[in-house]
Full PDB file with SEQRES, HELIX, SHEET, SSBOND, CRYST1, ORIGX, SCALE, CONECT and MASTER records, all heavy atoms in Angstrom:
SEQRES   1 A   30  ARG ILE THR THR GLY GLY ALA THR ASN TYR ALA ASP SER          
SEQRES   2 A   30  VAL LYS GLY ARG PHE THR ILE SER ARG ASP ASN ALA LYS          
SEQRES   3 A   30  ASN THR VAL PHE                                              
SHEET    1 AA1 2 ARG A  22  ASP A  23  0                                        
SHEET    2 AA1 2 THR A  28  VAL A  29 -1                                        
CRYST1    1.000    1.000    1.000  90.00  90.00  90.00 P 1           1          
ORIGX1      1.000000  0.000000  0.000000        0.00000                         
ORIGX2      0.000000  1.000000  0.000000        0.00000                         
ORIGX3      0.000000  0.000000  1.000000        0.00000                         
SCALE1      1.000000  0.000000  0.000000        0.00000                         
SCALE2      0.000000  1.000000  0.000000        0.00000                         
SCALE3      0.000000  0.000000  1.000000        0.00000                         
ATOM      1  N   ARG A   1       2.654   4.151  -0.659  1.00  0.00           N  
ATOM      2  CA  ARG A   1       2.501   4.328   0.774  1.00  0.00           C  
ATOM      3  C   ARG A   1       1.085   3.949   1.165  1.00  0.00           C  
ATOM      4  O   ARG A   1       0.144   4.156   0.393  1.00  0.00           O  
ATOM      5  CB  ARG A   1       2.805   5.770   1.173  1.00  0.00           C  
ATOM      6  CG  ARG A   1       2.970   6.002   2.658  1.00  0.00           C  
ATOM      7  CD  ARG A   1       3.711   7.303   2.906  1.00  0.00           C  
ATOM      8  NE  ARG A   1       3.847   7.600   4.329  1.00  0.00           N  
ATOM      9  CZ  ARG A   1       4.765   7.069   5.124  1.00  0.00           C  
ATOM     10  NH1 ARG A   1       5.644   6.199   4.647  1.00  0.00           N  
ATOM     11  NH2 ARG A   1       4.813   7.414   6.402  1.00  0.00           N  
ATOM     12  N   ILE A   2       0.921   3.408   2.374  1.00  0.00           N  
ATOM     13  CA  ILE A   2      -0.387   2.970   2.832  1.00  0.00           C  
ATOM     14  C   ILE A   2      -0.552   3.303   4.304  1.00  0.00           C  
ATOM     15  O   ILE A   2       0.351   3.105   5.109  1.00  0.00           O  
ATOM     16  CB  ILE A   2      -0.591   1.457   2.570  1.00  0.00           C  
ATOM     17  CG1 ILE A   2      -2.006   1.018   2.955  1.00  0.00           C  
ATOM     18  CG2 ILE A   2       0.461   0.627   3.300  1.00  0.00           C  
ATOM     19  CD1 ILE A   2      -2.341  -0.387   2.477  1.00  0.00           C  
ATOM     20  N   THR A   3      -1.721   3.821   4.669  1.00  0.00           N  
ATOM     21  CA  THR A   3      -2.019   4.151   6.050  1.00  0.00           C  
ATOM     22  C   THR A   3      -2.567   2.930   6.769  1.00  0.00           C  
ATOM     23  O   THR A   3      -2.855   1.897   6.166  1.00  0.00           O  
ATOM     24  CB  THR A   3      -3.035   5.292   6.144  1.00  0.00           C  
ATOM     25  OG1 THR A   3      -4.311   4.840   5.659  1.00  0.00           O  
ATOM     26  CG2 THR A   3      -2.584   6.497   5.330  1.00  0.00           C  
ATOM     27  N   THR A   4      -2.725   3.065   8.081  1.00  0.00           N  
ATOM     28  CA  THR A   4      -3.305   1.984   8.869  1.00  0.00           C  
ATOM     29  C   THR A   4      -4.703   1.635   8.381  1.00  0.00           C  
ATOM     30  O   THR A   4      -5.091   0.467   8.361  1.00  0.00           O  
ATOM     31  CB  THR A   4      -3.348   2.366  10.355  1.00  0.00           C  
ATOM     32  OG1 THR A   4      -2.020   2.653  10.819  1.00  0.00           O  
ATOM     33  CG2 THR A   4      -3.911   1.228  11.195  1.00  0.00           C  
ATOM     34  N   GLY A   5      -5.459   2.656   7.982  1.00  0.00           N  
ATOM     35  CA  GLY A   5      -6.813   2.443   7.505  1.00  0.00           C  
ATOM     36  C   GLY A   5      -6.917   1.934   6.082  1.00  0.00           C  
ATOM     37  O   GLY A   5      -8.012   1.617   5.627  1.00  0.00           O  
ATOM     38  N   GLY A   6      -5.792   1.864   5.367  1.00  0.00           N  
ATOM     39  CA  GLY A   6      -5.799   1.319   4.027  1.00  0.00           C  
ATOM     40  C   GLY A   6      -5.769   2.331   2.902  1.00  0.00           C  
ATOM     41  O   GLY A   6      -5.798   1.943   1.724  1.00  0.00           O  
ATOM     42  N   ALA A   7      -5.714   3.625   3.211  1.00  0.00           N  
ATOM     43  CA  ALA A   7      -5.593   4.630   2.162  1.00  0.00           C  
ATOM     44  C   ALA A   7      -4.215   4.534   1.527  1.00  0.00           C  
ATOM     45  O   ALA A   7      -3.211   4.364   2.211  1.00  0.00           O  
ATOM     46  CB  ALA A   7      -5.826   6.018   2.735  1.00  0.00           C  
ATOM     47  N   THR A   8      -4.154   4.659   0.200  1.00  0.00           N  
ATOM     48  CA  THR A   8      -2.902   4.454  -0.524  1.00  0.00           C  
ATOM     49  C   THR A   8      -2.547   5.641  -1.403  1.00  0.00           C  
ATOM     50  O   THR A   8      -3.412   6.402  -1.837  1.00  0.00           O  
ATOM     51  CB  THR A   8      -2.971   3.199  -1.403  1.00  0.00           C  
ATOM     52  OG1 THR A   8      -4.065   3.333  -2.333  1.00  0.00           O  
ATOM     53  CG2 THR A   8      -3.185   1.955  -0.558  1.00  0.00           C  
ATOM     54  N   ASN A   9      -1.256   5.774  -1.662  1.00  0.00           N  
ATOM     55  CA  ASN A   9      -0.723   6.735  -2.616  1.00  0.00           C  
ATOM     56  C   ASN A   9       0.355   6.043  -3.434  1.00  0.00           C  
ATOM     57  O   ASN A   9       1.125   5.241  -2.904  1.00  0.00           O  
ATOM     58  CB  ASN A   9      -0.142   7.960  -1.913  1.00  0.00           C  
ATOM     59  CG  ASN A   9      -1.202   8.866  -1.337  1.00  0.00           C  
ATOM     60  OD1 ASN A   9      -1.972   9.477  -2.068  1.00  0.00           O  
ATOM     61  ND2 ASN A   9      -1.242   8.953  -0.014  1.00  0.00           N  
ATOM     62  N   TYR A  10       0.407   6.362  -4.726  1.00  0.00           N  
ATOM     63  CA  TYR A  10       1.377   5.754  -5.628  1.00  0.00           C  
ATOM     64  C   TYR A  10       2.089   6.811  -6.438  1.00  0.00           C  
ATOM     65  O   TYR A  10       1.517   7.853  -6.775  1.00  0.00           O  
ATOM     66  CB  TYR A  10       0.700   4.789  -6.600  1.00  0.00           C  
ATOM     67  CG  TYR A  10       0.046   3.594  -5.969  1.00  0.00           C  
ATOM     68  CD1 TYR A  10      -1.294   3.626  -5.605  1.00  0.00           C  
ATOM     69  CD2 TYR A  10       0.766   2.422  -5.754  1.00  0.00           C  
ATOM     70  CE1 TYR A  10      -1.901   2.525  -5.035  1.00  0.00           C  
ATOM     71  CE2 TYR A  10       0.165   1.317  -5.179  1.00  0.00           C  
ATOM     72  CZ  TYR A  10      -1.167   1.373  -4.824  1.00  0.00           C  
ATOM     73  OH  TYR A  10      -1.769   0.270  -4.257  1.00  0.00           O  
ATOM     74  N   ALA A  11       3.341   6.532  -6.770  1.00  0.00           N  
ATOM     75  CA  ALA A  11       4.028   7.342  -7.751  1.00  0.00           C  
ATOM     76  C   ALA A  11       3.332   7.184  -9.098  1.00  0.00           C  
ATOM     77  O   ALA A  11       2.837   6.102  -9.422  1.00  0.00           O  
ATOM     78  CB  ALA A  11       5.492   6.921  -7.867  1.00  0.00           C  
ATOM     79  N   ASP A  12       3.282   8.253  -9.872  1.00  0.00           N  
ATOM     80  CA  ASP A  12       2.610   8.193 -11.164  1.00  0.00           C  
ATOM     81  C   ASP A  12       3.203   7.112 -12.069  1.00  0.00           C  
ATOM     82  O   ASP A  12       2.490   6.499 -12.864  1.00  0.00           O  
ATOM     83  CB  ASP A  12       2.677   9.546 -11.866  1.00  0.00           C  
ATOM     84  CG  ASP A  12       1.788  10.583 -11.213  1.00  0.00           C  
ATOM     85  OD1 ASP A  12       0.846  10.211 -10.492  1.00  0.00           O  
ATOM     86  OD2 ASP A  12       2.039  11.786 -11.430  1.00  0.00           O  
ATOM     87  N   SER A  13       4.489   6.867 -11.938  1.00  0.00           N  
ATOM     88  CA  SER A  13       5.167   5.917 -12.805  1.00  0.00           C  
ATOM     89  C   SER A  13       4.757   4.469 -12.563  1.00  0.00           C  
ATOM     90  O   SER A  13       4.970   3.618 -13.427  1.00  0.00           O  
ATOM     91  CB  SER A  13       6.685   6.047 -12.652  1.00  0.00           C  
ATOM     92  OG  SER A  13       7.081   5.787 -11.319  1.00  0.00           O  
ATOM     93  N   VAL A  14       4.170   4.176 -11.397  1.00  0.00           N  
ATOM     94  CA  VAL A  14       3.792   2.804 -11.078  1.00  0.00           C  
ATOM     95  C   VAL A  14       2.296   2.622 -10.930  1.00  0.00           C  
ATOM     96  O   VAL A  14       1.824   1.482 -10.788  1.00  0.00           O  
ATOM     97  CB  VAL A  14       4.489   2.304  -9.796  1.00  0.00           C  
ATOM     98  CG1 VAL A  14       5.996   2.504  -9.894  1.00  0.00           C  
ATOM     99  CG2 VAL A  14       3.935   3.003  -8.557  1.00  0.00           C  
ATOM    100  N   LYS A  15       1.540   3.693 -10.969  1.00  0.00           N  
ATOM    101  CA  LYS A  15       0.095   3.622 -10.780  1.00  0.00           C  
ATOM    102  C   LYS A  15      -0.537   2.728 -11.849  1.00  0.00           C  
ATOM    103  O   LYS A  15      -0.258   2.867 -13.037  1.00  0.00           O  
ATOM    104  CB  LYS A  15      -0.508   5.022 -10.813  1.00  0.00           C  
ATOM    105  CG  LYS A  15      -1.958   5.096 -10.365  1.00  0.00           C  
ATOM    106  CD  LYS A  15      -2.403   6.547 -10.211  1.00  0.00           C  
ATOM    107  CE  LYS A  15      -1.607   7.252  -9.133  1.00  0.00           C  
ATOM    108  NZ  LYS A  15      -2.081   8.638  -8.909  1.00  0.00           N  
ATOM    109  N   GLY A  16      -1.376   1.817 -11.409  1.00  0.00           N  
ATOM    110  CA  GLY A  16      -2.018   0.876 -12.309  1.00  0.00           C  
ATOM    111  C   GLY A  16      -1.248  -0.410 -12.496  1.00  0.00           C  
ATOM    112  O   GLY A  16      -1.802  -1.382 -13.023  1.00  0.00           O  
ATOM    113  N   ARG A  17       0.019  -0.437 -12.086  1.00  0.00           N  
ATOM    114  CA  ARG A  17       0.849  -1.628 -12.217  1.00  0.00           C  
ATOM    115  C   ARG A  17       1.216  -2.235 -10.865  1.00  0.00           C  
ATOM    116  O   ARG A  17       1.323  -3.452 -10.745  1.00  0.00           O  
ATOM    117  CB  ARG A  17       2.136  -1.315 -12.985  1.00  0.00           C  
ATOM    118  CG  ARG A  17       1.901  -0.808 -14.399  1.00  0.00           C  
ATOM    119  CD  ARG A  17       3.218  -0.670 -15.166  1.00  0.00           C  
ATOM    120  NE  ARG A  17       4.111   0.303 -14.545  1.00  0.00           N  
ATOM    121  CZ  ARG A  17       5.327   0.013 -14.080  1.00  0.00           C  
ATOM    122  NH1 ARG A  17       5.796  -1.221 -14.161  1.00  0.00           N  
ATOM    123  NH2 ARG A  17       6.076   0.968 -13.551  1.00  0.00           N  
ATOM    124  N   PHE A  18       1.439  -1.391  -9.865  1.00  0.00           N  
ATOM    125  CA  PHE A  18       1.833  -1.847  -8.533  1.00  0.00           C  
ATOM    126  C   PHE A  18       0.658  -1.714  -7.567  1.00  0.00           C  
ATOM    127  O   PHE A  18      -0.165  -0.800  -7.689  1.00  0.00           O  
ATOM    128  CB  PHE A  18       2.996  -1.019  -7.980  1.00  0.00           C  
ATOM    129  CG  PHE A  18       4.307  -1.217  -8.692  1.00  0.00           C  
ATOM    130  CD1 PHE A  18       4.405  -1.951  -9.858  1.00  0.00           C  
ATOM    131  CD2 PHE A  18       5.460  -0.647  -8.167  1.00  0.00           C  
ATOM    132  CE1 PHE A  18       5.614  -2.123 -10.506  1.00  0.00           C  
ATOM    133  CE2 PHE A  18       6.682  -0.813  -8.803  1.00  0.00           C  
ATOM    134  CZ  PHE A  18       6.759  -1.544  -9.971  1.00  0.00           C  
ATOM    135  N   THR A  19       0.604  -2.597  -6.584  1.00  0.00           N  
ATOM    136  CA  THR A  19      -0.411  -2.543  -5.544  1.00  0.00           C  
ATOM    137  C   THR A  19       0.239  -2.752  -4.189  1.00  0.00           C  
ATOM    138  O   THR A  19       0.927  -3.751  -3.977  1.00  0.00           O  
ATOM    139  CB  THR A  19      -1.497  -3.605  -5.759  1.00  0.00           C  
ATOM    140  OG1 THR A  19      -2.110  -3.435  -7.038  1.00  0.00           O  
ATOM    141  CG2 THR A  19      -2.571  -3.483  -4.679  1.00  0.00           C  
ATOM    142  N   ILE A  20       0.025  -1.810  -3.280  1.00  0.00           N  
ATOM    143  CA  ILE A  20       0.540  -1.940  -1.926  1.00  0.00           C  
ATOM    144  C   ILE A  20      -0.586  -2.422  -1.012  1.00  0.00           C  
ATOM    145  O   ILE A  20      -1.746  -2.037  -1.176  1.00  0.00           O  
ATOM    146  CB  ILE A  20       1.134  -0.613  -1.416  1.00  0.00           C  
ATOM    147  CG1 ILE A  20       1.852  -0.818  -0.080  1.00  0.00           C  
ATOM    148  CG2 ILE A  20       0.074   0.476  -1.304  1.00  0.00           C  
ATOM    149  CD1 ILE A  20       2.660   0.396   0.369  1.00  0.00           C  
ATOM    150  N   SER A  21      -0.251  -3.280  -0.069  1.00  0.00           N  
ATOM    151  CA  SER A  21      -1.217  -3.785   0.890  1.00  0.00           C  
ATOM    152  C   SER A  21      -0.501  -4.055   2.205  1.00  0.00           C  
ATOM    153  O   SER A  21       0.732  -4.036   2.272  1.00  0.00           O  
ATOM    154  CB  SER A  21      -1.907  -5.051   0.373  1.00  0.00           C  
ATOM    155  OG  SER A  21      -0.963  -6.087   0.147  1.00  0.00           O  
ATOM    156  N   ARG A  22      -1.270  -4.305   3.257  1.00  0.00           N  
ATOM    157  CA  ARG A  22      -0.657  -4.561   4.558  1.00  0.00           C  
ATOM    158  C   ARG A  22      -1.511  -5.501   5.381  1.00  0.00           C  
ATOM    159  O   ARG A  22      -2.721  -5.630   5.172  1.00  0.00           O  
ATOM    160  CB  ARG A  22      -0.434  -3.247   5.317  1.00  0.00           C  
ATOM    161  CG  ARG A  22      -1.719  -2.524   5.703  1.00  0.00           C  
ATOM    162  CD  ARG A  22      -1.416  -1.135   6.264  1.00  0.00           C  
ATOM    163  NE  ARG A  22      -0.733  -1.194   7.545  1.00  0.00           N  
ATOM    164  CZ  ARG A  22      -0.144  -0.154   8.141  1.00  0.00           C  
ATOM    165  NH1 ARG A  22      -0.139   1.036   7.532  1.00  0.00           N  
ATOM    166  NH2 ARG A  22       0.443  -0.295   9.319  1.00  0.00           N  
ATOM    167  N   ASP A  23      -0.862  -6.164   6.317  1.00  0.00           N  
ATOM    168  CA  ASP A  23      -1.509  -7.004   7.301  1.00  0.00           C  
ATOM    169  C   ASP A  23      -1.263  -6.337   8.643  1.00  0.00           C  
ATOM    170  O   ASP A  23      -0.166  -6.431   9.196  1.00  0.00           O  
ATOM    171  CB  ASP A  23      -0.933  -8.420   7.269  1.00  0.00           C  
ATOM    172  CG  ASP A  23      -1.638  -9.366   8.216  1.00  0.00           C  
ATOM    173  OD1 ASP A  23      -2.258  -8.906   9.193  1.00  0.00           O  
ATOM    174  OD2 ASP A  23      -1.570 -10.594   7.993  1.00  0.00           O  
ATOM    175  N   ASN A  24      -2.258  -5.646   9.158  1.00  0.00           N  
ATOM    176  CA  ASN A  24      -2.091  -4.894  10.397  1.00  0.00           C  
ATOM    177  C   ASN A  24      -1.802  -5.799  11.596  1.00  0.00           C  
ATOM    178  O   ASN A  24      -1.085  -5.402  12.516  1.00  0.00           O  
ATOM    179  CB  ASN A  24      -3.332  -4.046  10.672  1.00  0.00           C  
ATOM    180  CG  ASN A  24      -3.460  -2.869   9.731  1.00  0.00           C  
ATOM    181  OD1 ASN A  24      -2.466  -2.339   9.239  1.00  0.00           O  
ATOM    182  ND2 ASN A  24      -4.694  -2.443   9.475  1.00  0.00           N  
ATOM    183  N   ALA A  25      -2.363  -6.990  11.596  1.00  0.00           N  
ATOM    184  CA  ALA A  25      -2.147  -7.913  12.708  1.00  0.00           C  
ATOM    185  C   ALA A  25      -0.693  -8.345  12.800  1.00  0.00           C  
ATOM    186  O   ALA A  25      -0.183  -8.599  13.895  1.00  0.00           O  
ATOM    187  CB  ALA A  25      -3.055  -9.129  12.570  1.00  0.00           C  
ATOM    188  N   LYS A  26      -0.021  -8.442  11.659  1.00  0.00           N  
ATOM    189  CA  LYS A  26       1.368  -8.878  11.625  1.00  0.00           C  
ATOM    190  C   LYS A  26       2.347  -7.737  11.381  1.00  0.00           C  
ATOM    191  O   LYS A  26       3.557  -7.971  11.334  1.00  0.00           O  
ATOM    192  CB  LYS A  26       1.562  -9.947  10.549  1.00  0.00           C  
ATOM    193  CG  LYS A  26       0.774 -11.219  10.788  1.00  0.00           C  
ATOM    194  CD  LYS A  26       1.036 -12.241   9.690  1.00  0.00           C  
ATOM    195  CE  LYS A  26       0.281 -13.529   9.941  1.00  0.00           C  
ATOM    196  NZ  LYS A  26       0.533 -14.533   8.872  1.00  0.00           N  
ATOM    197  N   ASN A  27       1.835  -6.519  11.216  1.00  0.00           N  
ATOM    198  CA  ASN A  27       2.678  -5.361  10.902  1.00  0.00           C  
ATOM    199  C   ASN A  27       3.595  -5.666   9.720  1.00  0.00           C  
ATOM    200  O   ASN A  27       4.810  -5.462   9.769  1.00  0.00           O  
ATOM    201  CB  ASN A  27       3.488  -4.934  12.124  1.00  0.00           C  
ATOM    202  CG  ASN A  27       2.622  -4.303  13.206  1.00  0.00           C  
ATOM    203  OD1 ASN A  27       1.633  -3.636  12.910  1.00  0.00           O  
ATOM    204  ND2 ASN A  27       3.000  -4.511  14.461  1.00  0.00           N  
ATOM    205  N   THR A  28       2.992  -6.155   8.668  1.00  0.00           N  
ATOM    206  CA  THR A  28       3.696  -6.530   7.456  1.00  0.00           C  
ATOM    207  C   THR A  28       3.110  -5.773   6.273  1.00  0.00           C  
ATOM    208  O   THR A  28       1.896  -5.581   6.191  1.00  0.00           O  
ATOM    209  CB  THR A  28       3.589  -8.044   7.214  1.00  0.00           C  
ATOM    210  OG1 THR A  28       4.137  -8.749   8.335  1.00  0.00           O  
ATOM    211  CG2 THR A  28       4.338  -8.453   5.959  1.00  0.00           C  
ATOM    212  N   VAL A  29       3.969  -5.344   5.364  1.00  0.00           N  
ATOM    213  CA  VAL A  29       3.527  -4.627   4.181  1.00  0.00           C  
ATOM    214  C   VAL A  29       4.021  -5.360   2.939  1.00  0.00           C  
ATOM    215  O   VAL A  29       5.095  -5.972   2.949  1.00  0.00           O  
ATOM    216  CB  VAL A  29       4.015  -3.159   4.199  1.00  0.00           C  
ATOM    217  CG1 VAL A  29       5.534  -3.081   4.126  1.00  0.00           C  
ATOM    218  CG2 VAL A  29       3.367  -2.357   3.081  1.00  0.00           C  
ATOM    219  N   PHE A  30       3.226  -5.309   1.865  1.00  0.00           N  
ATOM    220  CA  PHE A  30       3.530  -6.013   0.639  1.00  0.00           C  
ATOM    221  C   PHE A  30       3.494  -5.044  -0.533  1.00  0.00           C  
ATOM    222  O   PHE A  30       2.832  -4.012  -0.496  1.00  0.00           O  
ATOM    223  CB  PHE A  30       2.518  -7.137   0.385  1.00  0.00           C  
ATOM    224  CG  PHE A  30       2.345  -8.075   1.535  1.00  0.00           C  
ATOM    225  CD1 PHE A  30       1.359  -7.850   2.488  1.00  0.00           C  
ATOM    226  CD2 PHE A  30       3.161  -9.185   1.677  1.00  0.00           C  
ATOM    227  CE1 PHE A  30       1.191  -8.715   3.551  1.00  0.00           C  
ATOM    228  CE2 PHE A  30       3.007 -10.060   2.738  1.00  0.00           C  
ATOM    229  CZ  PHE A  30       2.024  -9.819   3.675  1.00  0.00           C  
TER     230      PHE A  30                                                      
MASTER        0    0    0    0    2    0    0    6  229    1    0    3          
END                                                                             
């Protein structure tokens, strides 16, 4: 999960392997 400001939270099972990011201008999340 990611906030508008860029703060993130990950499940323990994916931490270190997955990265969430977003483009606020396009309201898109990756």
